[in-house]
Amino acid sequence: MSPCETAGGNFFEQLPGDHEVHLLSMILHDWDEAKNRALLRRSFEALPSGGAVIISELLVNDEKTGPAPAALMSLNMLIETEGRNYTPAEYSAWLEEAGFRHIETV
């Protein structure tokens, strides 16, 4: 296997099980909380023990008051999709619920 591969398909149906890391970059803001929780649970189930998921998103603060770029994008997502930008606390809770440990916000 090469150091980095992409996998096509529908991530709501199946995620690669032969990878050590899943990168969800600018994905979760498109979906509502239930779909995000299901996707993270599916990721945890597909990854080997010790695997990791990396979420790359604009984060709103836990008070949901900013920063301005994330808050404005969240407003746009509410208008155009079923999602919004989420907080570090929301992601941490969903990841923990899915089974992930050693959760960090960077």
PDB file of N, CA and C in Angstrom:
ATOM      1  N   MET A   1       0.847  -1.172   0.000  1.00  0.00           N
ATOM      2  CA  MET A   1       0.000   0.000   0.000  1.00  0.00           C
ATOM      3  C   MET A   1       0.894   1.237   0.000  1.00  0.00           C
ATOM      4  N   SER A   2       0.518   2.229  -0.768  1.00  0.00           N
ATOM      5  CA  SER A   2       1.283   3.474  -0.796  1.00  0.00           C
ATOM      6  C   SER A   2       1.007   4.266   0.477  1.00  0.00           C
ATOM      7  N   PRO A   3       1.854   5.262   0.775  1.00  0.00           N
ATOM      8  CA  PRO A   3       1.666   6.037   2.005  1.00  0.00           C
ATOM      9  C   PRO A   3       0.308   6.731   2.097  1.00  0.00           C
ATOM     10  N   CYS A   4      -0.274   7.090   0.970  1.00  0.00           N
ATOM     11  CA  CYS A   4      -1.557   7.794   0.994  1.00  0.00           C
ATOM     12  C   CYS A   4      -2.371   7.368  -0.224  1.00  0.00           C
ATOM     13  N   GLU A   5      -3.574   6.928   0.026  1.00  0.00           N
ATOM     14  CA  GLU A   5      -4.466   6.519  -1.049  1.00  0.00           C
ATOM     15  C   GLU A   5      -5.831   7.149  -0.838  1.00  0.00           C
ATOM     16  N   THR A   6      -6.519   7.344  -1.927  1.00  0.00           N
ATOM     17  CA  THR A   6      -7.914   7.761  -1.834  1.00  0.00           C
ATOM     18  C   THR A   6      -8.782   6.564  -2.185  1.00  0.00           C
ATOM     19  N   ALA A   7     -10.017   6.606  -1.731  1.00  0.00           N
ATOM     20  CA  ALA A   7     -10.951   5.524  -2.024  1.00  0.00           C
ATOM     21  C   ALA A   7     -12.262   6.144  -2.476  1.00  0.00           C
ATOM     22  N   GLY A   8     -12.749   5.710  -3.619  1.00  0.00           N
ATOM     23  CA  GLY A   8     -14.023   6.201  -4.115  1.00  0.00           C
ATOM     24  C   GLY A   8     -15.179   5.473  -3.455  1.00  0.00           C
ATOM     25  N   GLY A   9     -16.358   6.022  -3.598  1.00  0.00           N
ATOM     26  CA  GLY A   9     -17.541   5.357  -3.071  1.00  0.00           C
ATOM     27  C   GLY A   9     -18.419   6.303  -2.282  1.00  0.00           C
ATOM     28  N   ASN A  10     -19.382   5.737  -1.624  1.00  0.00           N
ATOM     29  CA  ASN A  10     -20.328   6.481  -0.796  1.00  0.00           C
ATOM     30  C   ASN A  10     -19.982   6.232   0.664  1.00  0.00           C
ATOM     31  N   PHE A  11     -19.451   7.237   1.354  1.00  0.00           N
ATOM     32  CA  PHE A  11     -19.011   7.017   2.730  1.00  0.00           C
ATOM     33  C   PHE A  11     -20.157   6.784   3.698  1.00  0.00           C
ATOM     34  N   PHE A  12     -21.384   7.009   3.271  1.00  0.00           N
ATOM     35  CA  PHE A  12     -22.511   6.648   4.131  1.00  0.00           C
ATOM     36  C   PHE A  12     -22.803   5.155   4.050  1.00  0.00           C
ATOM     37  N   GLU A  13     -22.271   4.487   3.029  1.00  0.00           N
ATOM     38  CA  GLU A  13     -22.483   3.050   2.879  1.00  0.00           C
ATOM     39  C   GLU A  13     -21.289   2.242   3.373  1.00  0.00           C
ATOM     40  N   GLN A  14     -20.061   2.707   3.058  1.00  0.00           N
ATOM     41  CA  GLN A  14     -18.877   1.928   3.424  1.00  0.00           C
ATOM     42  C   GLN A  14     -17.642   2.827   3.438  1.00  0.00           C
ATOM     43  N   LEU A  15     -16.795   2.586   4.408  1.00  0.00           N
ATOM     44  CA  LEU A  15     -15.486   3.240   4.469  1.00  0.00           C
ATOM     45  C   LEU A  15     -14.407   2.177   4.358  1.00  0.00           C
ATOM     46  N   PRO A  16     -13.248   2.539   3.822  1.00  0.00           N
ATOM     47  CA  PRO A  16     -12.174   1.548   3.670  1.00  0.00           C
ATOM     48  C   PRO A  16     -11.768   0.947   5.008  1.00  0.00           C
ATOM     49  N   GLY A  17     -11.642  -0.362   5.031  1.00  0.00           N
ATOM     50  CA  GLY A  17     -11.252  -1.043   6.251  1.00  0.00           C
ATOM     51  C   GLY A  17      -9.777  -1.400   6.291  1.00  0.00           C
ATOM     52  N   ASP A  18      -9.069  -1.164   5.194  1.00  0.00           N
ATOM     53  CA  ASP A  18      -7.656  -1.535   5.141  1.00  0.00           C
ATOM     54  C   ASP A  18      -6.743  -0.315   5.229  1.00  0.00           C
ATOM     55  N   HIS A  19      -7.225   0.736   5.872  1.00  0.00           N
ATOM     56  CA  HIS A  19      -6.449   1.957   6.055  1.00  0.00           C
ATOM     57  C   HIS A  19      -6.299   2.230   7.550  1.00  0.00           C
ATOM     58  N   GLU A  20      -5.236   2.930   7.909  1.00  0.00           N
ATOM     59  CA  GLU A  20      -4.988   3.248   9.310  1.00  0.00           C
ATOM     60  C   GLU A  20      -5.590   4.588   9.714  1.00  0.00           C
ATOM     61  N   VAL A  21      -5.887   5.437   8.718  1.00  0.00           N
ATOM     62  CA  VAL A  21      -6.397   6.776   8.991  1.00  0.00           C
ATOM     63  C   VAL A  21      -7.494   7.111   7.983  1.00  0.00           C
ATOM     64  N   HIS A  22      -8.541   7.723   8.466  1.00  0.00           N
ATOM     65  CA  HIS A  22      -9.557   8.323   7.591  1.00  0.00           C
ATOM     66  C   HIS A  22      -9.442   9.834   7.727  1.00  0.00           C
ATOM     67  N   LEU A  23      -9.338  10.533   6.607  1.00  0.00           N
ATOM     68  CA  LEU A  23      -9.300  11.996   6.587  1.00  0.00           C
ATOM     69  C   LEU A  23     -10.651  12.491   6.105  1.00  0.00           C
ATOM     70  N   LEU A  24     -11.342  13.225   6.953  1.00  0.00           N
ATOM     71  CA  LEU A  24     -12.617  13.845   6.605  1.00  0.00           C
ATOM     72  C   LEU A  24     -12.369  15.353   6.542  1.00  0.00           C
ATOM     73  N   SER A  25     -12.039  15.829   5.362  1.00  0.00           N
ATOM     74  CA  SER A  25     -11.666  17.221   5.177  1.00  0.00           C
ATOM     75  C   SER A  25     -12.800  17.989   4.519  1.00  0.00           C
ATOM     76  N   MET A  26     -13.331  18.946   5.254  1.00  0.00           N
ATOM     77  CA  MET A  26     -14.422  19.800   4.778  1.00  0.00           C
ATOM     78  C   MET A  26     -15.609  18.944   4.311  1.00  0.00           C
ATOM     79  N   ILE A  27     -15.952  17.949   5.103  1.00  0.00           N
ATOM     80  CA  ILE A  27     -17.037  17.009   4.820  1.00  0.00           C
ATOM     81  C   ILE A  27     -18.180  17.184   5.809  1.00  0.00           C
ATOM     82  N   LEU A  28     -17.854  17.210   7.098  1.00  0.00           N
ATOM     83  CA  LEU A  28     -18.888  17.106   8.129  1.00  0.00           C
ATOM     84  C   LEU A  28     -19.794  18.327   8.212  1.00  0.00           C
ATOM     85  N   HIS A  29     -19.319  19.487   7.773  1.00  0.00           N
ATOM     86  CA  HIS A  29     -20.174  20.682   7.852  1.00  0.00           C
ATOM     87  C   HIS A  29     -21.369  20.599   6.899  1.00  0.00           C
ATOM     88  N   ASP A  30     -21.332  19.673   5.941  1.00  0.00           N
ATOM     89  CA  ASP A  30     -22.443  19.518   4.997  1.00  0.00           C
ATOM     90  C   ASP A  30     -23.638  18.772   5.585  1.00  0.00           C
ATOM     91  N   TRP A  31     -23.429  18.061   6.688  1.00  0.00           N
ATOM     92  CA  TRP A  31     -24.432  17.119   7.172  1.00  0.00           C
ATOM     93  C   TRP A  31     -24.923  17.476   8.568  1.00  0.00           C
ATOM     94  N   ASP A  32     -26.104  16.970   8.893  1.00  0.00           N
ATOM     95  CA  ASP A  32     -26.664  17.216  10.225  1.00  0.00           C
ATOM     96  C   ASP A  32     -25.976  16.319  11.260  1.00  0.00           C
ATOM     97  N   GLU A  33     -26.319  16.554  12.513  1.00  0.00           N
ATOM     98  CA  GLU A  33     -25.675  15.846  13.614  1.00  0.00           C
ATOM     99  C   GLU A  33     -25.841  14.324  13.501  1.00  0.00           C
ATOM    100  N   ALA A  34     -27.018  13.852  13.167  1.00  0.00           N
ATOM    101  CA  ALA A  34     -27.262  12.401  13.096  1.00  0.00           C
ATOM    102  C   ALA A  34     -26.383  11.743  12.031  1.00  0.00           C
ATOM    103  N   LYS A  35     -26.279  12.358  10.863  1.00  0.00           N
ATOM    104  CA  LYS A  35     -25.440  11.781   9.801  1.00  0.00           C
ATOM    105  C   LYS A  35     -23.967  11.828  10.188  1.00  0.00           C
ATOM    106  N   ASN A  36     -23.537  12.902  10.843  1.00  0.00           N
ATOM    107  CA  ASN A  36     -22.140  12.989  11.278  1.00  0.00           C
ATOM    108  C   ASN A  36     -21.820  11.930  12.315  1.00  0.00           C
ATOM    109  N   ARG A  37     -22.712  11.728  13.261  1.00  0.00           N
ATOM    110  CA  ARG A  37     -22.497  10.687  14.280  1.00  0.00           C
ATOM    111  C   ARG A  37     -22.405   9.312  13.626  1.00  0.00           C
ATOM    112  N   ALA A  38     -23.286   9.048  12.671  1.00  0.00           N
ATOM    113  CA  ALA A  38     -23.268   7.754  11.975  1.00  0.00           C
ATOM    114  C   ALA A  38     -21.974   7.578  11.187  1.00  0.00           C
ATOM    115  N   LEU A  39     -21.526   8.636  10.526  1.00  0.00           N
ATOM    116  CA  LEU A  39     -20.298   8.565   9.740  1.00  0.00           C
ATOM    117  C   LEU A  39     -19.084   8.317  10.637  1.00  0.00           C
ATOM    118  N   LEU A  40     -19.008   8.983  11.773  1.00  0.00           N
ATOM    119  CA  LEU A  40     -17.889   8.774  12.691  1.00  0.00           C
ATOM    120  C   LEU A  40     -17.930   7.375  13.301  1.00  0.00           C
ATOM    121  N   ARG A  41     -19.113   6.880  13.606  1.00  0.00           N
ATOM    122  CA  ARG A  41     -19.256   5.517  14.115  1.00  0.00           C
ATOM    123  C   ARG A  41     -18.791   4.509  13.047  1.00  0.00           C
ATOM    124  N   ARG A  42     -19.182   4.736  11.798  1.00  0.00           N
ATOM    125  CA  ARG A  42     -18.776   3.869  10.692  1.00  0.00           C
ATOM    126  C   ARG A  42     -17.251   3.914  10.516  1.00  0.00           C
ATOM    127  N   SER A  43     -16.666   5.081  10.664  1.00  0.00           N
ATOM    128  CA  SER A  43     -15.215   5.215  10.570  1.00  0.00           C
ATOM    129  C   SER A  43     -14.530   4.397  11.661  1.00  0.00           C
ATOM    130  N   PHE A  44     -15.008   4.534  12.883  1.00  0.00           N
ATOM    131  CA  PHE A  44     -14.407   3.784  14.000  1.00  0.00           C
ATOM    132  C   PHE A  44     -14.495   2.284  13.758  1.00  0.00           C
ATOM    133  N   GLU A  45     -15.634   1.825  13.283  1.00  0.00           N
ATOM    134  CA  GLU A  45     -15.838   0.394  13.042  1.00  0.00           C
ATOM    135  C   GLU A  45     -14.955  -0.125  11.910  1.00  0.00           C
ATOM    136  N   ALA A  46     -14.651   0.705  10.915  1.00  0.00           N
ATOM    137  CA  ALA A  46     -13.848   0.273   9.768  1.00  0.00           C
ATOM    138  C   ALA A  46     -12.350   0.299  10.048  1.00  0.00           C
ATOM    139  N   LEU A  47     -11.916   1.174  10.939  1.00  0.00           N
ATOM    140  CA  LEU A  47     -10.481   1.315  11.200  1.00  0.00           C
ATOM    141  C   LEU A  47      -9.960   0.175  12.064  1.00  0.00           C
ATOM    142  N   PRO A  48      -8.685  -0.190  11.885  1.00  0.00           N
ATOM    143  CA  PRO A  48      -8.089  -1.201  12.762  1.00  0.00           C
ATOM    144  C   PRO A  48      -7.876  -0.607  14.163  1.00  0.00           C
ATOM    145  N   SER A  49      -7.642  -1.452  15.125  1.00  0.00           N
ATOM    146  CA  SER A  49      -7.334  -0.991  16.471  1.00  0.00           C
ATOM    147  C   SER A  49      -6.153  -0.028  16.412  1.00  0.00           C
ATOM    148  N   GLY A  50      -6.277   1.108  17.039  1.00  0.00           N
ATOM    149  CA  GLY A  50      -5.226   2.121  17.010  1.00  0.00           C
ATOM    150  C   GLY A  50      -5.315   3.064  15.831  1.00  0.00           C
ATOM    151  N   GLY A  51      -6.310   2.862  14.949  1.00  0.00           N
ATOM    152  CA  GLY A  51      -6.503   3.751  13.807  1.00  0.00           C
ATOM    153  C   GLY A  51      -6.990   5.114  14.253  1.00  0.00           C
ATOM    154  N   ALA A  52      -6.986   6.051  13.325  1.00  0.00           N
ATOM    155  CA  ALA A  52      -7.354   7.425  13.668  1.00  0.00           C
ATOM    156  C   ALA A  52      -8.211   8.036  12.566  1.00  0.00           C
ATOM    157  N   VAL A  53      -9.023   8.983  12.973  1.00  0.00           N
ATOM    158  CA  VAL A  53      -9.749   9.813  12.021  1.00  0.00           C
ATOM    159  C   VAL A  53      -9.250  11.244  12.221  1.00  0.00           C
ATOM    160  N   ILE A  54      -9.031  11.934  11.118  1.00  0.00           N
ATOM    161  CA  ILE A  54      -8.637  13.342  11.156  1.00  0.00           C
ATOM    162  C   ILE A  54      -9.781  14.136  10.566  1.00  0.00           C
ATOM    163  N   ILE A  55     -10.269  15.094  11.331  1.00  0.00           N
ATOM    164  CA  ILE A  55     -11.340  15.974  10.875  1.00  0.00           C
ATOM    165  C   ILE A  55     -10.721  17.343  10.619  1.00  0.00           C
ATOM    166  N   SER A  56     -10.837  17.811   9.396  1.00  0.00           N
ATOM    167  CA  SER A  56     -10.332  19.136   9.029  1.00  0.00           C
ATOM    168  C   SER A  56     -11.532  20.003   8.673  1.00  0.00           C
ATOM    169  N   GLU A  57     -11.863  20.939   9.538  1.00  0.00           N
ATOM    170  CA  GLU A  57     -13.039  21.798   9.381  1.00  0.00           C
ATOM    171  C   GLU A  57     -12.763  23.171   9.990  1.00  0.00           C
ATOM    172  N   LEU A  58     -13.528  24.162   9.572  1.00  0.00           N
ATOM    173  CA  LEU A  58     -13.561  25.426  10.304  1.00  0.00           C
ATOM    174  C   LEU A  58     -14.401  25.193  11.552  1.00  0.00           C
ATOM    175  N   LEU A  59     -13.880  25.561  12.690  1.00  0.00           N
ATOM    176  CA  LEU A  59     -14.590  25.341  13.944  1.00  0.00           C
ATOM    177  C   LEU A  59     -15.150  26.647  14.479  1.00  0.00           C
ATOM    178  N   VAL A  60     -16.390  26.603  14.922  1.00  0.00           N
ATOM    179  CA  VAL A  60     -16.911  27.727  15.695  1.00  0.00           C
ATOM    180  C   VAL A  60     -16.558  27.449  17.151  1.00  0.00           C
ATOM    181  N   ASN A  61     -16.441  28.518  17.936  1.00  0.00           N
ATOM    182  CA  ASN A  61     -16.100  28.312  19.336  1.00  0.00           C
ATOM    183  C   ASN A  61     -17.281  27.666  20.069  1.00  0.00           C
ATOM    184  N   ASP A  62     -17.018  27.187  21.279  1.00  0.00           N
ATOM    185  CA  ASP A  62     -18.052  26.465  22.014  1.00  0.00           C
ATOM    186  C   ASP A  62     -19.264  27.330  22.351  1.00  0.00           C
ATOM    187  N   GLU A  63     -19.090  28.653  22.340  1.00  0.00           N
ATOM    188  CA  GLU A  63     -20.217  29.563  22.577  1.00  0.00           C
ATOM    189  C   GLU A  63     -20.994  29.841  21.282  1.00  0.00           C
ATOM    190  N   LYS A  64     -20.444  29.387  20.163  1.00  0.00           N
ATOM    191  CA  LYS A  64     -21.020  29.576  18.818  1.00  0.00           C
ATOM    192  C   LYS A  64     -21.137  31.057  18.442  1.00  0.00           C
ATOM    193  N   THR A  65     -20.164  31.853  18.895  1.00  0.00           N
ATOM    194  CA  THR A  65     -20.158  33.285  18.600  1.00  0.00           C
ATOM    195  C   THR A  65     -19.082  33.685  17.601  1.00  0.00           C
ATOM    196  N   GLY A  66     -18.243  32.787  17.198  1.00  0.00           N
ATOM    197  CA  GLY A  66     -17.155  33.109  16.275  1.00  0.00           C
ATOM    198  C   GLY A  66     -16.202  31.954  16.191  1.00  0.00           C
ATOM    199  N   PRO A  67     -15.069  32.137  15.576  1.00  0.00           N
ATOM    200  CA  PRO A  67     -14.617  33.340  14.898  1.00  0.00           C
ATOM    201  C   PRO A  67     -15.468  33.636  13.664  1.00  0.00           C
ATOM    202  N   ALA A  68     -15.371  34.875  13.200  1.00  0.00           N
ATOM    203  CA  ALA A  68     -16.248  35.351  12.124  1.00  0.00           C
ATOM    204  C   ALA A  68     -16.240  34.456  10.876  1.00  0.00           C
ATOM    205  N   PRO A  69     -15.081  34.043  10.347  1.00  0.00           N
ATOM    206  CA  PRO A  69     -15.131  33.211   9.136  1.00  0.00           C
ATOM    207  C   PRO A  69     -15.912  31.901   9.336  1.00  0.00           C
ATOM    208  N   ALA A  70     -15.719  31.261  10.479  1.00  0.00           N
ATOM    209  CA  ALA A  70     -16.425  30.007  10.750  1.00  0.00           C
ATOM    210  C   ALA A  70     -17.910  30.255  10.972  1.00  0.00           C
ATOM    211  N   ALA A  71     -18.253  31.333  11.676  1.00  0.00           N
ATOM    212  CA  ALA A  71     -19.662  31.644  11.933  1.00  0.00           C
ATOM    213  C   ALA A  71     -20.387  32.004  10.636  1.00  0.00           C
ATOM    214  N   LEU A  72     -19.737  32.772   9.777  1.00  0.00           N
ATOM    215  CA  LEU A  72     -20.363  33.137   8.504  1.00  0.00           C
ATOM    216  C   LEU A  72     -20.525  31.921   7.591  1.00  0.00           C
ATOM    217  N   MET A  73     -19.514  31.061   7.567  1.00  0.00           N
ATOM    218  CA  MET A  73     -19.650  29.846   6.763  1.00  0.00           C
ATOM    219  C   MET A  73     -20.758  28.964   7.318  1.00  0.00           C
ATOM    220  N   SER A  74     -20.896  28.919   8.638  1.00  0.00           N
ATOM    221  CA  SER A  74     -21.958  28.132   9.257  1.00  0.00           C
ATOM    222  C   SER A  74     -23.328  28.634   8.828  1.00  0.00           C
ATOM    223  N   LEU A  75     -23.496  29.942   8.782  1.00  0.00           N
ATOM    224  CA  LEU A  75     -24.754  30.526   8.321  1.00  0.00           C
ATOM    225  C   LEU A  75     -25.024  30.112   6.877  1.00  0.00           C
ATOM    226  N   ASN A  76     -24.009  30.159   6.044  1.00  0.00           N
ATOM    227  CA  ASN A  76     -24.146  29.728   4.651  1.00  0.00           C
ATOM    228  C   ASN A  76     -24.537  28.250   4.568  1.00  0.00           C
ATOM    229  N   MET A  77     -23.935  27.416   5.392  1.00  0.00           N
ATOM    230  CA  MET A  77     -24.241  25.982   5.380  1.00  0.00           C
ATOM    231  C   MET A  77     -25.686  25.750   5.807  1.00  0.00           C
ATOM    232  N   LEU A  78     -26.179  26.520   6.773  1.00  0.00           N
ATOM    233  CA  LEU A  78     -27.573  26.379   7.211  1.00  0.00           C
ATOM    234  C   LEU A  78     -28.543  26.700   6.078  1.00  0.00           C
ATOM    235  N   ILE A  79     -28.149  27.622   5.208  1.00  0.00           N
ATOM    236  CA  ILE A  79     -29.009  28.026   4.093  1.00  0.00           C
ATOM    237  C   ILE A  79     -28.928  27.010   2.943  1.00  0.00           C
ATOM    238  N   GLU A  80     -27.728  26.517   2.647  1.00  0.00           N
ATOM    239  CA  GLU A  80     -27.510  25.700   1.456  1.00  0.00           C
ATOM    240  C   GLU A  80     -27.518  24.194   1.681  1.00  0.00           C
ATOM    241  N   THR A  81     -27.283  23.730   2.903  1.00  0.00           N
ATOM    242  CA  THR A  81     -27.183  22.293   3.170  1.00  0.00           C
ATOM    243  C   THR A  81     -27.996  21.971   4.412  1.00  0.00           C
ATOM    244  N   GLU A  82     -27.880  20.758   4.869  1.00  0.00           N
ATOM    245  CA  GLU A  82     -28.523  20.384   6.128  1.00  0.00           C
ATOM    246  C   GLU A  82     -27.568  20.533   7.308  1.00  0.00           C
ATOM    247  N   GLY A  83     -26.349  20.993   7.039  1.00  0.00           N
ATOM    248  CA  GLY A  83     -25.336  21.073   8.080  1.00  0.00           C
ATOM    249  C   GLY A  83     -25.062  22.483   8.543  1.00  0.00           C
ATOM    250  N   ARG A  84     -23.946  22.605   9.267  1.00  0.00           N
ATOM    251  CA  ARG A  84     -23.434  23.874   9.777  1.00  0.00           C
ATOM    252  C   ARG A  84     -22.024  23.609  10.271  1.00  0.00           C
ATOM    253  N   ASN A  85     -21.327  24.639  10.709  1.00  0.00           N
ATOM    254  CA  ASN A  85     -20.029  24.419  11.348  1.00  0.00           C
ATOM    255  C   ASN A  85     -20.285  24.055  12.806  1.00  0.00           C
ATOM    256  N   TYR A  86     -19.495  23.128  13.281  1.00  0.00           N
ATOM    257  CA  TYR A  86     -19.689  22.603  14.625  1.00  0.00           C
ATOM    258  C   TYR A  86     -18.551  23.034  15.549  1.00  0.00           C
ATOM    259  N   THR A  87     -18.736  22.820  16.832  1.00  0.00           N
ATOM    260  CA  THR A  87     -17.765  23.230  17.844  1.00  0.00           C
ATOM    261  C   THR A  87     -16.819  22.076  18.189  1.00  0.00           C
ATOM    262  N   PRO A  88     -15.666  22.402  18.778  1.00  0.00           N
ATOM    263  CA  PRO A  88     -14.779  21.335  19.249  1.00  0.00           C
ATOM    264  C   PRO A  88     -15.482  20.403  20.240  1.00  0.00           C
ATOM    265  N   ALA A  89     -16.304  20.948  21.101  1.00  0.00           N
ATOM    266  CA  ALA A  89     -17.008  20.120  22.090  1.00  0.00           C
ATOM    267  C   ALA A  89     -17.970  19.142  21.411  1.00  0.00           C
ATOM    268  N   GLU A  90     -18.656  19.603  20.366  1.00  0.00           N
ATOM    269  CA  GLU A  90     -19.562  18.715  19.645  1.00  0.00           C
ATOM    270  C   GLU A  90     -18.789  17.572  19.002  1.00  0.00           C
ATOM    271  N   TYR A  91     -17.720  17.895  18.279  1.00  0.00           N
ATOM    272  CA  TYR A  91     -16.921  16.848  17.649  1.00  0.00           C
ATOM    273  C   TYR A  91     -16.349  15.887  18.680  1.00  0.00           C
ATOM    274  N   SER A  92     -15.834  16.414  19.781  1.00  0.00           N
ATOM    275  CA  SER A  92     -15.260  15.552  20.822  1.00  0.00           C
ATOM    276  C   SER A  92     -16.293  14.585  21.367  1.00  0.00           C
ATOM    277  N   ALA A  93     -17.499  15.060  21.625  1.00  0.00           N
ATOM    278  CA  ALA A  93     -18.562  14.196  22.141  1.00  0.00           C
ATOM    279  C   ALA A  93     -18.927  13.110  21.134  1.00  0.00           C
ATOM    280  N   TRP A  94     -19.044  13.486  19.862  1.00  0.00           N
ATOM    281  CA  TRP A  94     -19.396  12.504  18.831  1.00  0.00           C
ATOM    282  C   TRP A  94     -18.298  11.463  18.658  1.00  0.00           C
ATOM    283  N   LEU A  95     -17.034  11.909  18.671  1.00  0.00           N
ATOM    284  CA  LEU A  95     -15.917  10.980  18.526  1.00  0.00           C
ATOM    285  C   LEU A  95     -15.854  10.002  19.693  1.00  0.00           C
ATOM    286  N   GLU A  96     -16.030  10.513  20.890  1.00  0.00           N
ATOM    287  CA  GLU A  96     -16.018   9.653  22.073  1.00  0.00           C
ATOM    288  C   GLU A  96     -17.173   8.657  22.021  1.00  0.00           C
ATOM    289  N   GLU A  97     -18.338   9.129  21.639  1.00  0.00           N
ATOM    290  CA  GLU A  97     -19.505   8.258  21.513  1.00  0.00           C
ATOM    291  C   GLU A  97     -19.253   7.140  20.487  1.00  0.00           C
ATOM    292  N   ALA A  98     -18.535   7.457  19.419  1.00  0.00           N
ATOM    293  CA  ALA A  98     -18.234   6.468  18.374  1.00  0.00           C
ATOM    294  C   ALA A  98     -17.191   5.443  18.830  1.00  0.00           C
ATOM    295  N   GLY A  99     -16.426   5.762  19.880  1.00  0.00           N
ATOM    296  CA  GLY A  99     -15.418   4.839  20.388  1.00  0.00           C
ATOM    297  C   GLY A  99     -13.995   5.350  20.323  1.00  0.00           C
ATOM    298  N   PHE A 100     -13.788   6.517  19.714  1.00  0.00           N
ATOM    299  CA  PHE A 100     -12.433   7.066  19.626  1.00  0.00           C
ATOM    300  C   PHE A 100     -11.962   7.554  20.992  1.00  0.00           C
ATOM    301  N   ARG A 101     -10.642   7.454  21.209  1.00  0.00           N
ATOM    302  CA  ARG A 101     -10.021   7.946  22.439  1.00  0.00           C
ATOM    303  C   ARG A 101      -8.854   8.851  22.050  1.00  0.00           C
ATOM    304  N   HIS A 102      -8.277   9.549  23.008  1.00  0.00           N
ATOM    305  CA  HIS A 102      -7.145  10.452  22.767  1.00  0.00           C
ATOM    306  C   HIS A 102      -7.535  11.528  21.739  1.00  0.00           C
ATOM    307  N   ILE A 103      -8.628  12.183  22.006  1.00  0.00           N
ATOM    308  CA  ILE A 103      -9.172  13.192  21.086  1.00  0.00           C
ATOM    309  C   ILE A 103      -8.476  14.518  21.335  1.00  0.00           C
ATOM    310  N   GLU A 104      -8.005  15.139  20.267  1.00  0.00           N
ATOM    311  CA  GLU A 104      -7.307  16.421  20.352  1.00  0.00           C
ATOM    312  C   GLU A 104      -7.932  17.403  19.370  1.00  0.00           C
ATOM    313  N   THR A 105      -7.966  18.663  19.774  1.00  0.00           N
ATOM    314  CA  THR A 105      -8.317  19.751  18.857  1.00  0.00           C
ATOM    315  C   THR A 105      -7.065  20.565  18.626  1.00  0.00           C
ATOM    316  N   VAL A 106      -6.670  20.702  17.379  1.00  0.00           N
ATOM    317  CA  VAL A 106      -5.436  21.415  17.041  1.00  0.00           C
ATOM    318  C   VAL A 106      -5.803  22.630  16.217  1.00  0.00           C
TER     319      VAL A 106
END
